[in-house]
Amino acid sequence: MRQIIDNYAEYLSRLIPENTLMAKEEALQMDGTVLETLPNTMFRVELENGHVVTAHISGRMRKHYIRIMTGDKVTVEMTPYDLEKGRIVYREK
């Protein structure tokens, strides 16, 4: 039985070469300040570099009822594919 499993694993490794599997892209984290509150828990955030992005609250912050107000310092996580949108992952105390 063990030999059958090993042969099957070898067969699969030949079908799917390791270099074809793509790793998940790392998210960019930047600090910023909340400029204004938008509907549906969205916020306009000015980043340290001067760019303004639209960000929503992460699920954990929503779950723990963390309130975000205008003027709060926050950490925004963005994907390298769309630098106009982000997710607020931390609010400084």
PDB file of N, CA and C in Angstrom:
ATOM      1  N   MET A   1       0.825  -1.196   0.000  1.00  0.00           N
ATOM      2  CA  MET A   1       0.000   0.000   0.000  1.00  0.00           C
ATOM      3  C   MET A   1       0.870   1.262   0.000  1.00  0.00           C
ATOM      4  N   ARG A   2       1.920   1.254   0.813  1.00  0.00           N
ATOM      5  CA  ARG A   2       2.812   2.416   0.905  1.00  0.00           C
ATOM      6  C   ARG A   2       3.463   2.706  -0.439  1.00  0.00           C
ATOM      7  N   GLN A   3       3.804   1.651  -1.173  1.00  0.00           N
ATOM      8  CA  GLN A   3       4.447   1.827  -2.480  1.00  0.00           C
ATOM      9  C   GLN A   3       3.482   2.486  -3.467  1.00  0.00           C
ATOM     10  N   ILE A   4       2.217   2.148  -3.390  1.00  0.00           N
ATOM     11  CA  ILE A   4       1.217   2.747  -4.274  1.00  0.00           C
ATOM     12  C   ILE A   4       1.104   4.248  -3.992  1.00  0.00           C
ATOM     13  N   ILE A   5       1.099   4.609  -2.707  1.00  0.00           N
ATOM     14  CA  ILE A   5       1.007   6.022  -2.333  1.00  0.00           C
ATOM     15  C   ILE A   5       2.233   6.782  -2.816  1.00  0.00           C
ATOM     16  N   ASP A   6       3.430   6.194  -2.633  1.00  0.00           N
ATOM     17  CA  ASP A   6       4.660   6.845  -3.093  1.00  0.00           C
ATOM     18  C   ASP A   6       4.664   7.022  -4.604  1.00  0.00           C
ATOM     19  N   ASN A   7       4.214   5.996  -5.326  1.00  0.00           N
ATOM     20  CA  ASN A   7       4.165   6.092  -6.791  1.00  0.00           C
ATOM     21  C   ASN A   7       3.186   7.174  -7.235  1.00  0.00           C
ATOM     22  N   TYR A   8       2.058   7.279  -6.546  1.00  0.00           N
ATOM     23  CA  TYR A   8       1.067   8.282  -6.901  1.00  0.00           C
ATOM     24  C   TYR A   8       1.602   9.689  -6.631  1.00  0.00           C
ATOM     25  N   ALA A   9       2.305   9.862  -5.509  1.00  0.00           N
ATOM     26  CA  ALA A   9       2.894  11.163  -5.194  1.00  0.00           C
ATOM     27  C   ALA A   9       3.934  11.542  -6.238  1.00  0.00           C
ATOM     28  N   GLU A  10       4.737  10.584  -6.676  1.00  0.00           N
ATOM     29  CA  GLU A  10       5.739  10.848  -7.719  1.00  0.00           C
ATOM     30  C   GLU A  10       5.051  11.209  -9.033  1.00  0.00           C
ATOM     31  N   TYR A  11       3.959  10.514  -9.344  1.00  0.00           N
ATOM     32  CA  TYR A  11       3.198  10.790 -10.559  1.00  0.00           C
ATOM     33  C   TYR A  11       2.650  12.224 -10.527  1.00  0.00           C
ATOM     34  N   LEU A  12       2.085  12.630  -9.391  1.00  0.00           N
ATOM     35  CA  LEU A  12       1.544  13.982  -9.270  1.00  0.00           C
ATOM     36  C   LEU A  12       2.642  15.037  -9.362  1.00  0.00           C
ATOM     37  N   SER A  13       3.808  14.761  -8.792  1.00  0.00           N
ATOM     38  CA  SER A  13       4.891  15.745  -8.840  1.00  0.00           C
ATOM     39  C   SER A  13       5.388  15.947 -10.266  1.00  0.00           C
ATOM     40  N   ARG A  14       5.275  14.928 -11.107  1.00  0.00           N
ATOM     41  CA  ARG A  14       5.659  15.096 -12.513  1.00  0.00           C
ATOM     42  C   ARG A  14       4.602  15.884 -13.278  1.00  0.00           C
ATOM     43  N   LEU A  15       3.350  15.757 -12.881  1.00  0.00           N
ATOM     44  CA  LEU A  15       2.276  16.494 -13.558  1.00  0.00           C
ATOM     45  C   LEU A  15       2.327  17.982 -13.238  1.00  0.00           C
ATOM     46  N   ILE A  16       2.599  18.321 -11.994  1.00  0.00           N
ATOM     47  CA  ILE A  16       2.593  19.713 -11.549  1.00  0.00           C
ATOM     48  C   ILE A  16       4.002  20.071 -11.081  1.00  0.00           C
ATOM     49  N   PRO A  17       4.817  20.652 -11.946  1.00  0.00           N
ATOM     50  CA  PRO A  17       6.164  21.047 -11.512  1.00  0.00           C
ATOM     51  C   PRO A  17       6.095  22.105 -10.417  1.00  0.00           C
ATOM     52  N   GLU A  18       7.098  22.114  -9.547  1.00  0.00           N
ATOM     53  CA  GLU A  18       7.103  23.030  -8.407  1.00  0.00           C
ATOM     54  C   GLU A  18       7.123  24.490  -8.826  1.00  0.00           C
ATOM     55  N   ASN A  19       7.792  24.805  -9.927  1.00  0.00           N
ATOM     56  CA  ASN A  19       7.918  26.205 -10.317  1.00  0.00           C
ATOM     57  C   ASN A  19       6.624  26.787 -10.881  1.00  0.00           C
ATOM     58  N   THR A  20       5.596  25.966 -11.123  1.00  0.00           N
ATOM     59  CA  THR A  20       4.335  26.503 -11.624  1.00  0.00           C
ATOM     60  C   THR A  20       3.440  27.006 -10.494  1.00  0.00           C
ATOM     61  N   LEU A  21       3.702  26.572  -9.267  1.00  0.00           N
ATOM     62  CA  LEU A  21       2.888  27.026  -8.144  1.00  0.00           C
ATOM     63  C   LEU A  21       3.355  28.413  -7.735  1.00  0.00           C
ATOM     64  N   MET A  22       2.414  29.354  -7.654  1.00  0.00           N
ATOM     65  CA  MET A  22       2.773  30.729  -7.333  1.00  0.00           C
ATOM     66  C   MET A  22       2.526  30.999  -5.853  1.00  0.00           C
ATOM     67  N   ALA A  23       3.424  31.689  -5.242  1.00  0.00           N
ATOM     68  CA  ALA A  23       3.263  32.070  -3.842  1.00  0.00           C
ATOM     69  C   ALA A  23       2.319  33.269  -3.746  1.00  0.00           C
ATOM     70  N   LYS A  24       1.695  33.418  -2.583  1.00  0.00           N
ATOM     71  CA  LYS A  24       0.807  34.553  -2.356  1.00  0.00           C
ATOM     72  C   LYS A  24       1.637  35.831  -2.278  1.00  0.00           C
ATOM     73  N   GLU A  25       1.157  36.875  -2.925  1.00  0.00           N
ATOM     74  CA  GLU A  25       1.855  38.160  -2.894  1.00  0.00           C
ATOM     75  C   GLU A  25       1.761  38.765  -1.496  1.00  0.00           C
ATOM     76  N   GLU A  26       2.829  39.366  -1.067  1.00  0.00           N
ATOM     77  CA  GLU A  26       2.844  40.028   0.231  1.00  0.00           C
ATOM     78  C   GLU A  26       2.063  41.340   0.160  1.00  0.00           C
ATOM     79  N   ALA A  27       1.302  41.602   1.196  1.00  0.00           N
ATOM     80  CA  ALA A  27       0.544  42.851   1.260  1.00  0.00           C
ATOM     81  C   ALA A  27       1.460  43.970   1.756  1.00  0.00           C
ATOM     82  N   LEU A  28       1.219  45.169   1.271  1.00  0.00           N
ATOM     83  CA  LEU A  28       1.984  46.340   1.696  1.00  0.00           C
ATOM     84  C   LEU A  28       1.296  46.958   2.903  1.00  0.00           C
ATOM     85  N   GLN A  29       2.049  47.260   3.948  1.00  0.00           N
ATOM     86  CA  GLN A  29       1.479  47.912   5.122  1.00  0.00           C
ATOM     87  C   GLN A  29       2.060  49.307   5.246  1.00  0.00           C
ATOM     88  N   MET A  30       1.175  50.282   5.404  1.00  0.00           N
ATOM     89  CA  MET A  30       1.598  51.671   5.548  1.00  0.00           C
ATOM     90  C   MET A  30       0.770  52.331   6.644  1.00  0.00           C
ATOM     91  N   ASP A  31       1.362  53.301   7.298  1.00  0.00           N
ATOM     92  CA  ASP A  31       0.656  54.065   8.323  1.00  0.00           C
ATOM     93  C   ASP A  31      -0.019  55.270   7.685  1.00  0.00           C
ATOM     94  N   GLY A  32      -1.117  55.697   8.283  1.00  0.00           N
ATOM     95  CA  GLY A  32      -1.833  56.848   7.753  1.00  0.00           C
ATOM     96  C   GLY A  32      -2.764  57.446   8.788  1.00  0.00           C
ATOM     97  N   THR A  33      -3.492  58.475   8.362  1.00  0.00           N
ATOM     98  CA  THR A  33      -4.441  59.179   9.217  1.00  0.00           C
ATOM     99  C   THR A  33      -5.802  59.190   8.538  1.00  0.00           C
ATOM    100  N   VAL A  34      -6.852  58.917   9.308  1.00  0.00           N
ATOM    101  CA  VAL A  34      -8.212  58.906   8.763  1.00  0.00           C
ATOM    102  C   VAL A  34      -8.650  60.340   8.495  1.00  0.00           C
ATOM    103  N   LEU A  35      -9.006  60.622   7.241  1.00  0.00           N
ATOM    104  CA  LEU A  35      -9.462  61.963   6.861  1.00  0.00           C
ATOM    105  C   LEU A  35     -10.959  62.124   7.034  1.00  0.00           C
ATOM    106  N   GLU A  36     -11.720  61.110   6.571  1.00  0.00           N
ATOM    107  CA  GLU A  36     -13.181  61.198   6.690  1.00  0.00           C
ATOM    108  C   GLU A  36     -13.790  59.812   6.744  1.00  0.00           C
ATOM    109  N   THR A  37     -14.991  59.758   7.309  1.00  0.00           N
ATOM    110  CA  THR A  37     -15.742  58.513   7.409  1.00  0.00           C
ATOM    111  C   THR A  37     -16.738  58.458   6.264  1.00  0.00           C
ATOM    112  N   LEU A  38     -16.784  57.319   5.577  1.00  0.00           N
ATOM    113  CA  LEU A  38     -17.704  57.103   4.461  1.00  0.00           C
ATOM    114  C   LEU A  38     -18.743  56.065   4.871  1.00  0.00           C
ATOM    115  N   PRO A  39     -19.818  55.911   4.116  1.00  0.00           N
ATOM    116  CA  PRO A  39     -20.828  54.897   4.454  1.00  0.00           C
ATOM    117  C   PRO A  39     -20.263  53.480   4.392  1.00  0.00           C
ATOM    118  N   ASN A  40     -20.942  52.552   5.061  1.00  0.00           N
ATOM    119  CA  ASN A  40     -20.607  51.125   5.058  1.00  0.00           C
ATOM    120  C   ASN A  40     -19.215  50.843   5.602  1.00  0.00           C
ATOM    121  N   THR A  41     -18.871  51.458   6.691  1.00  0.00           N
ATOM    122  CA  THR A  41     -17.580  51.288   7.372  1.00  0.00           C
ATOM    123  C   THR A  41     -16.386  51.442   6.435  1.00  0.00           C
ATOM    124  N   MET A  42     -16.489  52.417   5.548  1.00  0.00           N
ATOM    125  CA  MET A  42     -15.364  52.767   4.674  1.00  0.00           C
ATOM    126  C   MET A  42     -14.791  54.090   5.170  1.00  0.00           C
ATOM    127  N   PHE A  43     -13.503  54.279   4.922  1.00  0.00           N
ATOM    128  CA  PHE A  43     -12.817  55.478   5.392  1.00  0.00           C
ATOM    129  C   PHE A  43     -11.888  55.994   4.309  1.00  0.00           C
ATOM    130  N   ARG A  44     -11.703  57.296   4.280  1.00  0.00           N
ATOM    131  CA  ARG A  44     -10.694  57.902   3.412  1.00  0.00           C
ATOM    132  C   ARG A  44      -9.473  58.135   4.287  1.00  0.00           C
ATOM    133  N   VAL A  45      -8.324  57.539   3.892  1.00  0.00           N
ATOM    134  CA  VAL A  45      -7.113  57.574   4.709  1.00  0.00           C
ATOM    135  C   VAL A  45      -5.990  58.220   3.915  1.00  0.00           C
ATOM    136  N   GLU A  46      -5.300  59.181   4.545  1.00  0.00           N
ATOM    137  CA  GLU A  46      -4.115  59.781   3.929  1.00  0.00           C
ATOM    138  C   GLU A  46      -2.894  59.048   4.467  1.00  0.00           C
ATOM    139  N   LEU A  47      -2.112  58.451   3.563  1.00  0.00           N
ATOM    140  CA  LEU A  47      -0.923  57.702   3.953  1.00  0.00           C
ATOM    141  C   LEU A  47       0.233  58.648   4.240  1.00  0.00           C
ATOM    142  N   GLU A  48       1.295  58.114   4.827  1.00  0.00           N
ATOM    143  CA  GLU A  48       2.469  58.925   5.160  1.00  0.00           C
ATOM    144  C   GLU A  48       3.089  59.576   3.934  1.00  0.00           C
ATOM    145  N   ASN A  49       2.997  58.890   2.784  1.00  0.00           N
ATOM    146  CA  ASN A  49       3.613  59.423   1.563  1.00  0.00           C
ATOM    147  C   ASN A  49       2.722  60.436   0.847  1.00  0.00           C
ATOM    148  N   GLY A  50       1.550  60.754   1.407  1.00  0.00           N
ATOM    149  CA  GLY A  50       0.681  61.768   0.826  1.00  0.00           C
ATOM    150  C   GLY A  50      -0.456  61.233  -0.020  1.00  0.00           C
ATOM    151  N   HIS A  51      -0.426  59.957  -0.393  1.00  0.00           N
ATOM    152  CA  HIS A  51      -1.512  59.383  -1.185  1.00  0.00           C
ATOM    153  C   HIS A  51      -2.755  59.209  -0.321  1.00  0.00           C
ATOM    154  N   VAL A  52      -3.917  59.336  -0.948  1.00  0.00           N
ATOM    155  CA  VAL A  52      -5.190  59.146  -0.257  1.00  0.00           C
ATOM    156  C   VAL A  52      -5.837  57.888  -0.813  1.00  0.00           C
ATOM    157  N   VAL A  53      -6.209  56.958   0.084  1.00  0.00           N
ATOM    158  CA  VAL A  53      -6.818  55.694  -0.330  1.00  0.00           C
ATOM    159  C   VAL A  53      -8.153  55.524   0.386  1.00  0.00           C
ATOM    160  N   THR A  54      -8.992  54.663  -0.174  1.00  0.00           N
ATOM    161  CA  THR A  54     -10.244  54.280   0.457  1.00  0.00           C
ATOM    162  C   THR A  54     -10.008  52.944   1.142  1.00  0.00           C
ATOM    163  N   ALA A  55     -10.352  52.845   2.420  1.00  0.00           N
ATOM    164  CA  ALA A  55     -10.069  51.625   3.176  1.00  0.00           C
ATOM    165  C   ALA A  55     -11.295  51.185   3.965  1.00  0.00           C
ATOM    166  N   HIS A  56     -11.409  49.878   4.157  1.00  0.00           N
ATOM    167  CA  HIS A  56     -12.475  49.331   4.995  1.00  0.00           C
ATOM    168  C   HIS A  56     -11.847  48.668   6.223  1.00  0.00           C
ATOM    169  N   ILE A  57     -12.658  48.349   7.211  1.00  0.00           N
ATOM    170  CA  ILE A  57     -12.166  47.760   8.455  1.00  0.00           C
ATOM    171  C   ILE A  57     -11.979  46.261   8.258  1.00  0.00           C
ATOM    172  N   SER A  58     -10.907  45.713   8.824  1.00  0.00           N
ATOM    173  CA  SER A  58     -10.680  44.271   8.748  1.00  0.00           C
ATOM    174  C   SER A  58     -11.715  43.542   9.604  1.00  0.00           C
ATOM    175  N   GLY A  59     -11.893  42.275   9.336  1.00  0.00           N
ATOM    176  CA  GLY A  59     -12.890  41.475  10.039  1.00  0.00           C
ATOM    177  C   GLY A  59     -12.655  41.383  11.535  1.00  0.00           C
ATOM    178  N   ARG A  60     -11.394  41.266  11.945  1.00  0.00           N
ATOM    179  CA  ARG A  60     -11.093  41.175  13.378  1.00  0.00           C
ATOM    180  C   ARG A  60     -11.452  42.468  14.098  1.00  0.00           C
ATOM    181  N   MET A  61     -11.194  43.601  13.456  1.00  0.00           N
ATOM    182  CA  MET A  61     -11.543  44.877  14.083  1.00  0.00           C
ATOM    183  C   MET A  61     -13.056  45.023  14.177  1.00  0.00           C
ATOM    184  N   ARG A  62     -13.753  44.543  13.162  1.00  0.00           N
ATOM    185  CA  ARG A  62     -15.212  44.584  13.165  1.00  0.00           C
ATOM    186  C   ARG A  62     -15.757  43.675  14.270  1.00  0.00           C
ATOM    187  N   LYS A  63     -15.148  42.492  14.389  1.00  0.00           N
ATOM    188  CA  LYS A  63     -15.582  41.509  15.378  1.00  0.00           C
ATOM    189  C   LYS A  63     -15.424  42.025  16.807  1.00  0.00           C
ATOM    190  N   HIS A  64     -14.346  42.741  17.071  1.00  0.00           N
ATOM    191  CA  HIS A  64     -14.066  43.239  18.418  1.00  0.00           C
ATOM    192  C   HIS A  64     -14.574  44.664  18.641  1.00  0.00           C
ATOM    193  N   TYR A  65     -15.405  45.152  17.740  1.00  0.00           N
ATOM    194  CA  TYR A  65     -16.058  46.465  17.861  1.00  0.00           C
ATOM    195  C   TYR A  65     -15.058  47.601  18.083  1.00  0.00           C
ATOM    196  N   ILE A  66     -13.958  47.592  17.340  1.00  0.00           N
ATOM    197  CA  ILE A  66     -12.976  48.668  17.453  1.00  0.00           C
ATOM    198  C   ILE A  66     -13.478  49.850  16.638  1.00  0.00           C
ATOM    199  N   ARG A  67     -13.650  50.980  17.306  1.00  0.00           N
ATOM    200  CA  ARG A  67     -14.187  52.176  16.657  1.00  0.00           C
ATOM    201  C   ARG A  67     -13.063  52.987  16.035  1.00  0.00           C
ATOM    202  N   ILE A  68     -13.319  53.505  14.849  1.00  0.00           N
ATOM    203  CA  ILE A  68     -12.347  54.358  14.164  1.00  0.00           C
ATOM    204  C   ILE A  68     -13.012  55.697  13.912  1.00  0.00           C
ATOM    205  N   MET A  69     -12.336  56.756  14.325  1.00  0.00           N
ATOM    206  CA  MET A  69     -12.860  58.107  14.181  1.00  0.00           C
ATOM    207  C   MET A  69     -11.943  58.918  13.280  1.00  0.00           C
ATOM    208  N   THR A  70     -12.449  60.039  12.794  1.00  0.00           N
ATOM    209  CA  THR A  70     -11.641  60.952  11.988  1.00  0.00           C
ATOM    210  C   THR A  70     -10.454  61.440  12.818  1.00  0.00           C
ATOM    211  N   GLY A  71      -9.272  61.398  12.224  1.00  0.00           N
ATOM    212  CA  GLY A  71      -8.063  61.830  12.914  1.00  0.00           C
ATOM    213  C   GLY A  71      -7.256  60.703  13.531  1.00  0.00           C
ATOM    214  N   ASP A  72      -7.817  59.488  13.595  1.00  0.00           N
ATOM    215  CA  ASP A  72      -7.082  58.356  14.173  1.00  0.00           C
ATOM    216  C   ASP A  72      -5.900  57.966  13.296  1.00  0.00           C
ATOM    217  N   LYS A  73      -4.828  57.541  13.942  1.00  0.00           N
ATOM    218  CA  LYS A  73      -3.669  56.989  13.234  1.00  0.00           C
ATOM    219  C   LYS A  73      -3.932  55.497  13.051  1.00  0.00           C
ATOM    220  N   VAL A  74      -3.826  55.008  11.813  1.00  0.00           N
ATOM    221  CA  VAL A  74      -4.133  53.612  11.508  1.00  0.00           C
ATOM    222  C   VAL A  74      -3.030  53.002  10.642  1.00  0.00           C
ATOM    223  N   THR A  75      -3.012  51.671  10.612  1.00  0.00           N
ATOM    224  CA  THR A  75      -2.147  50.935   9.696  1.00  0.00           C
ATOM    225  C   THR A  75      -3.040  50.342   8.616  1.00  0.00           C
ATOM    226  N   VAL A  76      -2.698  50.604   7.360  1.00  0.00           N
ATOM    227  CA  VAL A  76      -3.497  50.148   6.223  1.00  0.00           C
ATOM    228  C   VAL A  76      -2.705  49.093   5.464  1.00  0.00           C
ATOM    229  N   GLU A  77      -3.366  47.999   5.126  1.00  0.00           N
ATOM    230  CA  GLU A  77      -2.763  46.920   4.350  1.00  0.00           C
ATOM    231  C   GLU A  77      -3.320  47.005   2.934  1.00  0.00           C
ATOM    232  N   MET A  78      -2.425  47.011   1.944  1.00  0.00           N
ATOM    233  CA  MET A  78      -2.857  47.128   0.548  1.00  0.00           C
ATOM    234  C   MET A  78      -2.207  46.034  -0.284  1.00  0.00           C
ATOM    235  N   THR A  79      -2.885  45.619  -1.335  1.00  0.00           N
ATOM    236  CA  THR A  79      -2.327  44.670  -2.279  1.00  0.00           C
ATOM    237  C   THR A  79      -1.519  45.433  -3.324  1.00  0.00           C
ATOM    238  N   PRO A  80      -0.466  44.834  -3.853  1.00  0.00           N
ATOM    239  CA  PRO A  80       0.318  45.538  -4.877  1.00  0.00           C
ATOM    240  C   PRO A  80      -0.449  45.734  -6.187  1.00  0.00           C
ATOM    241  N   TYR A  81      -1.581  45.049  -6.343  1.00  0.00           N
ATOM    242  CA  TYR A  81      -2.336  45.132  -7.588  1.00  0.00           C
ATOM    243  C   TYR A  81      -3.239  46.353  -7.654  1.00  0.00           C
ATOM    244  N   ASP A  82      -3.744  46.815  -6.501  1.00  0.00           N
ATOM    245  CA  ASP A  82      -4.641  47.972  -6.477  1.00  0.00           C
ATOM    246  C   ASP A  82      -4.240  48.868  -5.308  1.00  0.00           C
ATOM    247  N   LEU A  83      -3.529  49.933  -5.604  1.00  0.00           N
ATOM    248  CA  LEU A  83      -3.010  50.809  -4.560  1.00  0.00           C
ATOM    249  C   LEU A  83      -3.977  51.926  -4.188  1.00  0.00           C
ATOM    250  N   GLU A  84      -5.204  51.885  -4.696  1.00  0.00           N
ATOM    251  CA  GLU A  84      -6.215  52.889  -4.360  1.00  0.00           C
ATOM    252  C   GLU A  84      -7.129  52.416  -3.233  1.00  0.00           C
ATOM    253  N   LYS A  85      -7.116  51.116  -2.929  1.00  0.00           N
ATOM    254  CA  LYS A  85      -7.988  50.547  -1.905  1.00  0.00           C
ATOM    255  C   LYS A  85      -7.136  49.843  -0.862  1.00  0.00           C
ATOM    256  N   GLY A  86      -7.666  49.736   0.356  1.00  0.00           N
ATOM    257  CA  GLY A  86      -6.917  49.071   1.408  1.00  0.00           C
ATOM    258  C   GLY A  86      -7.818  48.562   2.508  1.00  0.00           C
ATOM    259  N   ARG A  87      -7.181  47.924   3.492  1.00  0.00           N
ATOM    260  CA  ARG A  87      -7.896  47.368   4.636  1.00  0.00           C
ATOM    261  C   ARG A  87      -7.205  47.882   5.894  1.00  0.00           C
ATOM    262  N   ILE A  88      -7.968  48.456   6.798  1.00  0.00           N
ATOM    263  CA  ILE A  88      -7.415  48.958   8.052  1.00  0.00           C
ATOM    264  C   ILE A  88      -7.243  47.766   8.989  1.00  0.00           C
ATOM    265  N   VAL A  89      -5.998  47.513   9.391  1.00  0.00           N
ATOM    266  CA  VAL A  89      -5.714  46.346  10.223  1.00  0.00           C
ATOM    267  C   VAL A  89      -5.342  46.712  11.655  1.00  0.00           C
ATOM    268  N   TYR A  90      -5.064  47.995  11.934  1.00  0.00           N
ATOM    269  CA  TYR A  90      -4.666  48.386  13.285  1.00  0.00           C
ATOM    270  C   TYR A  90      -4.967  49.864  13.514  1.00  0.00           C
ATOM    271  N   ARG A  91      -5.460  50.173  14.710  1.00  0.00           N
ATOM    272  CA  ARG A  91      -5.668  51.569  15.115  1.00  0.00           C
ATOM    273  C   ARG A  91      -4.782  51.831  16.318  1.00  0.00           C
ATOM    274  N   GLU A  92      -3.964  52.884  16.221  1.00  0.00           N
ATOM    275  CA  GLU A  92      -3.071  53.206  17.337  1.00  0.00           C
ATOM    276  C   GLU A  92      -3.865  53.759  18.501  1.00  0.00           C
ATOM    277  N   LYS A  93      -3.381  53.474  19.687  1.00  0.00           N
ATOM    278  CA  LYS A  93      -4.091  53.894  20.898  1.00  0.00           C
ATOM    279  C   LYS A  93      -3.765  55.306  21.290  1.00  0.00           C
TER     280      LYS A  93
END
